[in-house]
PDB file of N, CA and C in Angstrom:
ATOM      1  N   MET A   1     117.840 196.241 100.205  1.00  0.00           N
ATOM      2  CA  MET A   1     118.926 196.663 100.990  1.00  0.00           C
ATOM      3  C   MET A   1     120.148 196.098  99.748  1.00  0.00           C
ATOM      4  N   GLU A   2     121.102 197.411  99.091  1.00  0.00           N
ATOM      5  CA  GLU A   2     122.117 197.508  97.698  1.00  0.00           C
ATOM      6  C   GLU A   2     123.085 196.428  98.465  1.00  0.00           C
ATOM      7  N   ALA A   3     124.089 195.852  97.684  1.00  0.00           N
ATOM      8  CA  ALA A   3     125.357 194.903  97.952  1.00  0.00           C
ATOM      9  C   ALA A   3     126.162 195.537  98.698  1.00  0.00           C
ATOM     10  N   ASN A   4     126.301 196.611  98.951  1.00  0.00           N
ATOM     11  CA  ASN A   4     127.158 196.890 100.192  1.00  0.00           C
ATOM     12  C   ASN A   4     127.184 196.995 101.202  1.00  0.00           C
ATOM     13  N   SER A   5     125.612 197.137 101.441  1.00  0.00           N
ATOM     14  CA  SER A   5     125.270 196.941 102.545  1.00  0.00           C
ATOM     15  C   SER A   5     124.955 195.568 103.650  1.00  0.00           C
ATOM     16  N   LEU A   6     124.495 194.789 102.231  1.00  0.00           N
ATOM     17  CA  LEU A   6     124.701 193.395 102.885  1.00  0.00           C
ATOM     18  C   LEU A   6     126.055 192.451 102.724  1.00  0.00           C
ATOM     19  N   ALA A   7     127.147 192.930 102.256  1.00  0.00           N
ATOM     20  CA  ALA A   7     128.304 192.524 102.568  1.00  0.00           C
ATOM     21  C   ALA A   7     128.801 192.878 103.566  1.00  0.00           C
ATOM     22  N   ASN A   8     128.461 194.118 103.831  1.00  0.00           N
ATOM     23  CA  ASN A   8     129.118 194.303 105.241  1.00  0.00           C
ATOM     24  C   ASN A   8     128.729 193.650 106.349  1.00  0.00           C
ATOM     25  N   HIS A   9     127.157 193.598 106.638  1.00  0.00           N
ATOM     26  CA  HIS A   9     126.466 192.831 106.949  1.00  0.00           C
ATOM     27  C   HIS A   9     127.553 191.628 107.240  1.00  0.00           C
ATOM     28  N   TYR A  10     126.843 190.441 106.075  1.00  0.00           N
ATOM     29  CA  TYR A  10     127.154 189.756 106.543  1.00  0.00           C
ATOM     30  C   TYR A  10     129.284 189.300 106.411  1.00  0.00           C
ATOM     31  N   GLY A  11     129.252 190.076 106.226  1.00  0.00           N
ATOM     32  CA  GLY A  11     131.278 190.055 106.690  1.00  0.00           C
ATOM     33  C   GLY A  11     132.161 189.481 105.087  1.00  0.00           C
ATOM     34  N   PHE A  12     131.447 189.950 103.767  1.00  0.00           N
ATOM     35  CA  PHE A  12     132.736 189.282 103.111  1.00  0.00           C
ATOM     36  C   PHE A  12     132.821 190.659 101.863  1.00  0.00           C
ATOM     37  N   ASP A  13     133.743 190.539 101.015  1.00  0.00           N
ATOM     38  CA  ASP A  13     133.892 191.630 100.038  1.00  0.00           C
ATOM     39  C   ASP A  13     133.786 191.583  98.745  1.00  0.00           C
ATOM     40  N   ILE A  14     132.398 192.255  98.146  1.00  0.00           N
ATOM     41  CA  ILE A  14     132.064 191.925  97.165  1.00  0.00           C
ATOM     42  C   ILE A  14     133.368 192.407  96.128  1.00  0.00           C
ATOM     43  N   ASN A  15     134.500 192.752  95.972  1.00  0.00           N
ATOM     44  CA  ASN A  15     135.278 193.092  95.629  1.00  0.00           C
ATOM     45  C   ASN A  15     136.305 192.155  95.344  1.00  0.00           C
ATOM     46  N   HIS A  16     135.991 190.852  96.328  1.00  0.00           N
ATOM     47  CA  HIS A  16     136.566 189.352  96.043  1.00  0.00           C
ATOM     48  C   HIS A  16     136.382 188.729  95.855  1.00  0.00           C
ATOM     49  N   LEU A  17     134.660 188.503  95.385  1.00  0.00           N
ATOM     50  CA  LEU A  17     134.222 187.474  95.287  1.00  0.00           C
ATOM     51  C   LEU A  17     134.424 186.363  94.464  1.00  0.00           C
ATOM     52  N   GLN A  18     134.602 185.149  95.107  1.00  0.00           N
ATOM     53  CA  GLN A  18     134.972 184.106  93.778  1.00  0.00           C
ATOM     54  C   GLN A  18     133.758 182.935  93.494  1.00  0.00           C
ATOM     55  N   SER A  19     132.774 183.535  94.170  1.00  0.00           N
ATOM     56  CA  SER A  19     131.811 182.503  94.111  1.00  0.00           C
ATOM     57  C   SER A  19     130.318 183.260  93.644  1.00  0.00           C
ATOM     58  N   ILE A  20     129.503 182.799  94.042  1.00  0.00           N
ATOM     59  CA  ILE A  20     128.378 183.424  94.087  1.00  0.00           C
ATOM     60  C   ILE A  20     127.325 183.010  94.997  1.00  0.00           C
ATOM     61  N   VAL A  21     126.622 184.427  95.634  1.00  0.00           N
ATOM     62  CA  VAL A  21     125.899 184.717  96.784  1.00  0.00           C
ATOM     63  C   VAL A  21     124.685 184.504  97.012  1.00  0.00           C
ATOM     64  N   PHE A  22     124.045 183.918  97.551  1.00  0.00           N
ATOM     65  CA  PHE A  22     122.539 183.787  97.566  1.00  0.00           C
ATOM     66  C   PHE A  22     122.148 184.017  99.353  1.00  0.00           C
ATOM     67  N   ILE A  23     121.370 184.847  99.525  1.00  0.00           N
ATOM     68  CA  ILE A  23     121.188 185.355 100.593  1.00  0.00           C
ATOM     69  C   ILE A  23     118.897 184.924 100.766  1.00  0.00           C
ATOM     70  N   GLN A  24     119.096 184.199 101.945  1.00  0.00           N
ATOM     71  CA  GLN A  24     117.514 183.544 101.883  1.00  0.00           C
ATOM     72  C   GLN A  24     117.496 183.324 103.223  1.00  0.00           C
ATOM     73  N   ASN A  25     116.313 184.132 104.215  1.00  0.00           N
ATOM     74  CA  ASN A  25     115.627 184.071 105.647  1.00  0.00           C
ATOM     75  C   ASN A  25     116.883 184.069 106.416  1.00  0.00           C
ATOM     76  N   GLY A  26     117.771 185.233 105.699  1.00  0.00           N
ATOM     77  CA  GLY A  26     118.689 185.974 106.956  1.00  0.00           C
ATOM     78  C   GLY A  26     120.316 184.993 106.820  1.00  0.00           C
ATOM     79  N   ARG A  27     120.299 183.855 105.624  1.00  0.00           N
ATOM     80  CA  ARG A  27     121.258 183.117 105.980  1.00  0.00           C
ATOM     81  C   ARG A  27     121.860 184.017 104.632  1.00  0.00           C
ATOM     82  N   MET A  28     123.506 183.364 104.234  1.00  0.00           N
ATOM     83  CA  MET A  28     124.022 183.888 103.318  1.00  0.00           C
ATOM     84  C   MET A  28     125.026 182.223 103.075  1.00  0.00           C
ATOM     85  N   LEU A  29     124.085 182.030 101.712  1.00  0.00           N
ATOM     86  CA  LEU A  29     124.373 180.961 101.417  1.00  0.00           C
ATOM     87  C   LEU A  29     126.157 181.006  99.835  1.00  0.00           C
ATOM     88  N   ILE A  30     126.722 180.199  99.917  1.00  0.00           N
ATOM     89  CA  ILE A  30     127.700 180.489  99.029  1.00  0.00           C
ATOM     90  C   ILE A  30     128.531 179.014  97.652  1.00  0.00           C
ATOM     91  N   ARG A  31     128.697 179.285  96.585  1.00  0.00           N
ATOM     92  CA  ARG A  31     128.759 178.153  95.977  1.00  0.00           C
ATOM     93  C   ARG A  31     128.021 176.984  95.597  1.00  0.00           C
ATOM     94  N   SER A  32     127.725 176.026  95.796  1.00  0.00           N
ATOM     95  CA  SER A  32     126.214 174.778  95.669  1.00  0.00           C
ATOM     96  C   SER A  32     125.428 175.018  96.309  1.00  0.00           C
ATOM     97  N   SER A  33     125.280 175.419  97.660  1.00  0.00           N
ATOM     98  CA  SER A  33     124.386 175.774  98.522  1.00  0.00           C
ATOM     99  C   SER A  33     123.295 176.588  97.659  1.00  0.00           C
ATOM    100  N   ALA A  34     124.132 177.709  97.554  1.00  0.00           N
ATOM    101  CA  ALA A  34     123.659 178.934  96.942  1.00  0.00           C
ATOM    102  C   ALA A  34     123.013 178.597  95.364  1.00  0.00           C
ATOM    103  N   VAL A  35     123.512 178.422  94.432  1.00  0.00           N
ATOM    104  CA  VAL A  35     122.662 177.624  92.790  1.00  0.00           C
ATOM    105  C   VAL A  35     122.009 176.220  93.081  1.00  0.00           C
ATOM    106  N   LEU A  36     121.708 175.178  94.880  1.00  0.00           N
ATOM    107  CA  LEU A  36     121.186 174.933  94.437  1.00  0.00           C
ATOM    108  C   LEU A  36     119.811 175.266  95.435  1.00  0.00           C
ATOM    109  N   ARG A  37     119.969 176.605  95.885  1.00  0.00           N
ATOM    110  CA  ARG A  37     119.056 177.023  96.670  1.00  0.00           C
ATOM    111  C   ARG A  37     118.317 177.977  95.656  1.00  0.00           C
ATOM    112  N   VAL A  38     119.263 178.648  94.665  1.00  0.00           N
ATOM    113  CA  VAL A  38     118.317 179.213  92.950  1.00  0.00           C
ATOM    114  C   VAL A  38     117.758 178.388  91.994  1.00  0.00           C
ATOM    115  N   PHE A  39     117.994 177.067  92.270  1.00  0.00           N
ATOM    116  CA  PHE A  39     117.293 176.661  91.113  1.00  0.00           C
ATOM    117  C   PHE A  39     115.866 175.948  91.713  1.00  0.00           C
ATOM    118  N   ARG A  40     115.697 176.178  92.863  1.00  0.00           N
ATOM    119  CA  ARG A  40     114.350 176.068  93.371  1.00  0.00           C
ATOM    120  C   ARG A  40     113.490 176.809  92.964  1.00  0.00           C
ATOM    121  N   TYR A  41     113.751 177.755  92.474  1.00  0.00           N
ATOM    122  CA  TYR A  41     113.221 179.793  91.929  1.00  0.00           C
ATOM    123  C   TYR A  41     112.636 179.335  90.542  1.00  0.00           C
ATOM    124  N   MET A  42     113.103 178.683  89.520  1.00  0.00           N
ATOM    125  CA  MET A  42     113.757 178.829  88.278  1.00  0.00           C
ATOM    126  C   MET A  42     112.028 177.558  87.746  1.00  0.00           C
ATOM    127  N   ASP A  43     112.296 177.543  86.843  1.00  0.00           N
ATOM    128  CA  ASP A  43     111.206 177.090  85.687  1.00  0.00           C
ATOM    129  C   ASP A  43     111.604 175.864  85.426  1.00  0.00           C
ATOM    130  N   GLY A  44     110.516 175.101  85.159  1.00  0.00           N
ATOM    131  CA  GLY A  44     111.426 173.763  84.473  1.00  0.00           C
ATOM    132  C   GLY A  44     111.671 172.680  85.386  1.00  0.00           C
ATOM    133  N   LEU A  45     112.535 171.495  84.692  1.00  0.00           N
ATOM    134  CA  LEU A  45     113.161 170.358  86.027  1.00  0.00           C
ATOM    135  C   LEU A  45     114.026 171.273  86.630  1.00  0.00           C
ATOM    136  N   TRP A  46     114.907 172.445  87.037  1.00  0.00           N
ATOM    137  CA  TRP A  46     116.024 172.580  87.949  1.00  0.00           C
ATOM    138  C   TRP A  46     115.175 172.192  89.390  1.00  0.00           C
ATOM    139  N   PRO A  47     114.527 173.153  89.637  1.00  0.00           N
ATOM    140  CA  PRO A  47     113.940 172.561  90.627  1.00  0.00           C
ATOM    141  C   PRO A  47     114.748 171.357  91.508  1.00  0.00           C
ATOM    142  N   LEU A  48     113.918 170.184  90.350  1.00  0.00           N
ATOM    143  CA  LEU A  48     114.644 169.145  91.052  1.00  0.00           C
ATOM    144  C   LEU A  48     115.591 168.648  91.573  1.00  0.00           C
ATOM    145  N   LEU A  49     116.793 169.873  91.139  1.00  0.00           N
ATOM    146  CA  LEU A  49     118.157 169.094  91.436  1.00  0.00           C
ATOM    147  C   LEU A  49     118.409 169.853  92.877  1.00  0.00           C
ATOM    148  N   SER A  50     117.312 170.542  93.643  1.00  0.00           N
ATOM    149  CA  SER A  50     117.798 171.072  94.519  1.00  0.00           C
ATOM    150  C   SER A  50     117.776 169.647  95.631  1.00  0.00           C
ATOM    151  N   ILE A  51     117.012 168.374  95.407  1.00  0.00           N
ATOM    152  CA  ILE A  51     117.336 167.659  96.026  1.00  0.00           C
ATOM    153  C   ILE A  51     118.548 167.039  96.428  1.00  0.00           C
ATOM    154  N   LEU A  52     119.984 167.455  95.340  1.00  0.00           N
ATOM    155  CA  LEU A  52     121.810 167.309  96.069  1.00  0.00           C
ATOM    156  C   LEU A  52     121.469 168.422  97.233  1.00  0.00           C
ATOM    157  N   LEU A  53     120.471 168.306  98.025  1.00  0.00           N
ATOM    158  CA  LEU A  53     121.266 169.154  98.875  1.00  0.00           C
ATOM    159  C   LEU A  53     121.696 168.340 100.030  1.00  0.00           C
ATOM    160  N   ILE A  54     120.925 167.183  99.172  1.00  0.00           N
ATOM    161  CA  ILE A  54     120.864 165.836 100.836  1.00  0.00           C
ATOM    162  C   ILE A  54     122.590 165.309 100.243  1.00  0.00           C
ATOM    163  N   VAL A  55     123.307 165.691  99.411  1.00  0.00           N
ATOM    164  CA  VAL A  55     124.787 165.413  99.096  1.00  0.00           C
ATOM    165  C   VAL A  55     125.519 166.316 100.320  1.00  0.00           C
ATOM    166  N   PRO A  56     127.011 166.057 100.665  1.00  0.00           N
ATOM    167  CA  PRO A  56     127.434 166.934 102.101  1.00  0.00           C
ATOM    168  C   PRO A  56     127.842 167.757 101.034  1.00  0.00           C
ATOM    169  N   VAL A  57     128.403 168.477 101.706  1.00  0.00           N
ATOM    170  CA  VAL A  57     128.760 170.335 100.938  1.00  0.00           C
ATOM    171  C   VAL A  57     130.409 170.210 100.581  1.00  0.00           C
ATOM    172  N   PRO A  58     131.269 169.131 101.307  1.00  0.00           N
ATOM    173  CA  PRO A  58     132.442 169.089 100.614  1.00  0.00           C
ATOM    174  C   PRO A  58     132.736 168.175  98.947  1.00  0.00           C
ATOM    175  N   VAL A  59     131.401 167.517  98.808  1.00  0.00           N
ATOM    176  CA  VAL A  59     131.674 166.578  97.569  1.00  0.00           C
ATOM    177  C   VAL A  59     131.023 167.646  96.662  1.00  0.00           C
ATOM    178  N   ARG A  60     129.834 168.532  97.048  1.00  0.00           N
ATOM    179  CA  ARG A  60     129.274 169.294  96.161  1.00  0.00           C
ATOM    180  C   ARG A  60     129.591 170.806  95.844  1.00  0.00           C
ATOM    181  N   ASP A  61     130.943 170.821  97.051  1.00  0.00           N
ATOM    182  CA  ASP A  61     131.302 172.025  95.926  1.00  0.00           C
ATOM    183  C   ASP A  61     132.480 171.833  95.512  1.00  0.00           C
ATOM    184  N   PHE A  62     132.848 170.221  95.778  1.00  0.00           N
ATOM    185  CA  PHE A  62     134.475 170.276  94.978  1.00  0.00           C
ATOM    186  C   PHE A  62     133.760 170.444  93.410  1.00  0.00           C
ATOM    187  N   ILE A  63     132.597 169.363  93.184  1.00  0.00           N
ATOM    188  CA  ILE A  63     131.673 169.236  91.471  1.00  0.00           C
ATOM    189  C   ILE A  63     131.654 170.533  91.288  1.00  0.00           C
ATOM    190  N   TYR A  64     131.346 171.797  92.093  1.00  0.00           N
ATOM    191  CA  TYR A  64     130.869 173.477  91.796  1.00  0.00           C
ATOM    192  C   TYR A  64     132.180 173.676  91.437  1.00  0.00           C
ATOM    193  N   ASP A  65     133.382 173.549  92.431  1.00  0.00           N
ATOM    194  CA  ASP A  65     134.453 174.126  91.949  1.00  0.00           C
ATOM    195  C   ASP A  65     135.127 173.686  90.082  1.00  0.00           C
ATOM    196  N   ILE A  66     134.771 172.328  89.835  1.00  0.00           N
ATOM    197  CA  ILE A  66     135.066 172.419  88.847  1.00  0.00           C
ATOM    198  C   ILE A  66     134.257 172.686  87.456  1.00  0.00           C
ATOM    199  N   ILE A  67     132.894 172.772  87.627  1.00  0.00           N
ATOM    200  CA  ILE A  67     132.125 173.246  86.628  1.00  0.00           C
ATOM    201  C   ILE A  67     132.796 175.078  86.646  1.00  0.00           C
ATOM    202  N   ALA A  68     132.036 175.042  87.590  1.00  0.00           N
ATOM    203  CA  ALA A  68     133.005 177.079  88.017  1.00  0.00           C
ATOM    204  C   ALA A  68     134.650 176.984  87.199  1.00  0.00           C
ATOM    205  N   ARG A  69     135.596 175.931  86.903  1.00  0.00           N
ATOM    206  CA  ARG A  69     136.642 176.311  86.341  1.00  0.00           C
ATOM    207  C   ARG A  69     136.513 176.378  84.442  1.00  0.00           C
ATOM    208  N   ASN A  70     135.635 175.703  84.910  1.00  0.00           N
ATOM    209  CA  ASN A  70     135.685 174.593  83.126  1.00  0.00           C
ATOM    210  C   ASN A  70     134.531 175.553  82.917  1.00  0.00           C
ATOM    211  N   ARG A  71     133.452 175.986  82.931  1.00  0.00           N
ATOM    212  CA  ARG A  71     132.067 176.484  82.640  1.00  0.00           C
ATOM    213  C   ARG A  71     132.376 177.438  81.189  1.00  0.00           C
ATOM    214  N   TYR A  72     133.752 178.494  81.056  1.00  0.00           N
ATOM    215  CA  TYR A  72     133.271 179.188  79.570  1.00  0.00           C
ATOM    216  C   TYR A  72     133.642 177.952  78.394  1.00  0.00           C
ATOM    217  N   ARG A  73     134.859 176.535  78.671  1.00  0.00           N
ATOM    218  CA  ARG A  73     134.994 175.853  77.841  1.00  0.00           C
ATOM    219  C   ARG A  73     134.282 175.500  77.606  1.00  0.00           C
ATOM    220  N   TRP A  74     133.065 174.710  78.522  1.00  0.00           N
ATOM    221  CA  TRP A  74     131.919 173.402  78.096  1.00  0.00           C
ATOM    222  C   TRP A  74     130.565 174.155  77.493  1.00  0.00           C
ATOM    223  N   PHE A  75     130.585 175.405  77.894  1.00  0.00           N
ATOM    224  CA  PHE A  75     129.419 176.223  77.854  1.00  0.00           C
ATOM    225  C   PHE A  75     129.029 177.236  77.029  1.00  0.00           C
ATOM    226  N   GLY A  76     130.515 178.175  76.724  1.00  0.00           N
ATOM    227  CA  GLY A  76     130.594 179.476  76.128  1.00  0.00           C
ATOM    228  C   GLY A  76     130.571 180.417  76.725  1.00  0.00           C
ATOM    229  N   LYS A  77     131.164 182.071  76.278  1.00  0.00           N
ATOM    230  CA  LYS A  77     130.325 182.917  77.046  1.00  0.00           C
ATOM    231  C   LYS A  77     130.153 183.884  76.304  1.00  0.00           C
ATOM    232  N   CYS A  78     128.668 184.294  76.724  1.00  0.00           N
ATOM    233  CA  CYS A  78     127.951 185.440  76.290  1.00  0.00           C
ATOM    234  C   CYS A  78     128.884 186.806  76.544  1.00  0.00           C
ATOM    235  N   GLU A  79     128.345 187.540  75.443  1.00  0.00           N
ATOM    236  CA  GLU A  79     129.252 189.606  75.537  1.00  0.00           C
ATOM    237  C   GLU A  79     128.280 189.893  76.594  1.00  0.00           C
ATOM    238  N   SER A  80     126.950 189.691  76.212  1.00  0.00           N
ATOM    239  CA  SER A  80     126.081 190.272  77.271  1.00  0.00           C
ATOM    240  C   SER A  80     124.555 189.288  77.696  1.00  0.00           C
ATOM    241  N   CYS A  81     124.182 189.877  78.746  1.00  0.00           N
ATOM    242  CA  CYS A  81     123.003 188.524  79.493  1.00  0.00           C
ATOM    243  C   CYS A  81     122.116 188.792  77.906  1.00  0.00           C
ATOM    244  N   VAL A  82     121.458 186.912  78.191  1.00  0.00           N
ATOM    245  CA  VAL A  82     120.091 186.803  77.124  1.00  0.00           C
ATOM    246  C   VAL A  82     118.692 187.672  77.616  1.00  0.00           C
ATOM    247  N   THR A  83     117.892 188.514  76.958  1.00  0.00           N
ATOM    248  CA  THR A  83     117.099 189.308  77.377  1.00  0.00           C
ATOM    249  C   THR A  83     115.427 188.451  76.744  1.00  0.00           C
ATOM    250  N   ASP A  84     114.491 188.489  76.878  1.00  0.00           N
ATOM    251  CA  ASP A  84     113.223 188.091  76.149  1.00  0.00           C
ATOM    252  C   ASP A  84     112.781 188.610  75.672  1.00  0.00           C
TER     253      ASP A  84
END
């Protein structure tokens, strides 16, 4: 399903997204919930971080917002995606 169709189905505007969106099993997840679910599909130790799903959403999203606001300052910014 293309992004516009998904956006219409789940009721969000892709032109004004302020966060990551992850759709799994018919549920739309955003912010910290989306990131922690994506970690489950990554290699290495990343899936272990999904244990943080037990932390209440307001606390996780508060931390997510701090990281999102400062990510380029802390981690830098690339002009293009890294490829294998």
